């Protein structure tokens, strides 16, 4: 998912944001959003906990990339908090959209699974619908791991339902 974020976001940036007289990462305004999601956490193909995840999407975009930050908490006391960027693509004029995100952050396993160290990356994909009032309803899947910074790196996956609300 991290590779897809870099590939699709980078390609979109080159095709749509790198024109004459503009920088590839030119700033533009987009709605700031607050999102809450909940879902199941999987480890080694077994569901091990539930998770609540809160995310703030900043009201700016740089090229196709929107800065984001978030924090999650599991029923096992695990905590992850970090920041990164999201790349969102509207799918025609239907209200449907796809989003990829990549974030780096800190992780504490609490009473949960040992996935190696405290620096972890979260990458994911979200498919959803944006209503006329700007509210988004989506299904999201993400993966957390330490990207082999540690000897132990099994990772966690989360399947979630997300609602996000525009703040502007």
Foldseek 3Di string as FASTA:
>chain_A
DVVCQCVVQVVQLVVPQPDPPGHSFHKDFDFKKKKWKKWFKDFPNDTDWIKIKIKIWDGMGGNQWTKMWIWMATPLGKIKTWIWTKGKDADPPQQKIKMKIKIWTFIDQRRHDPQDHTIKMKIWMWIWGQDPQRKIWIWMKIWMWNVPPGPGTRIMMTIIIMIMDGDD
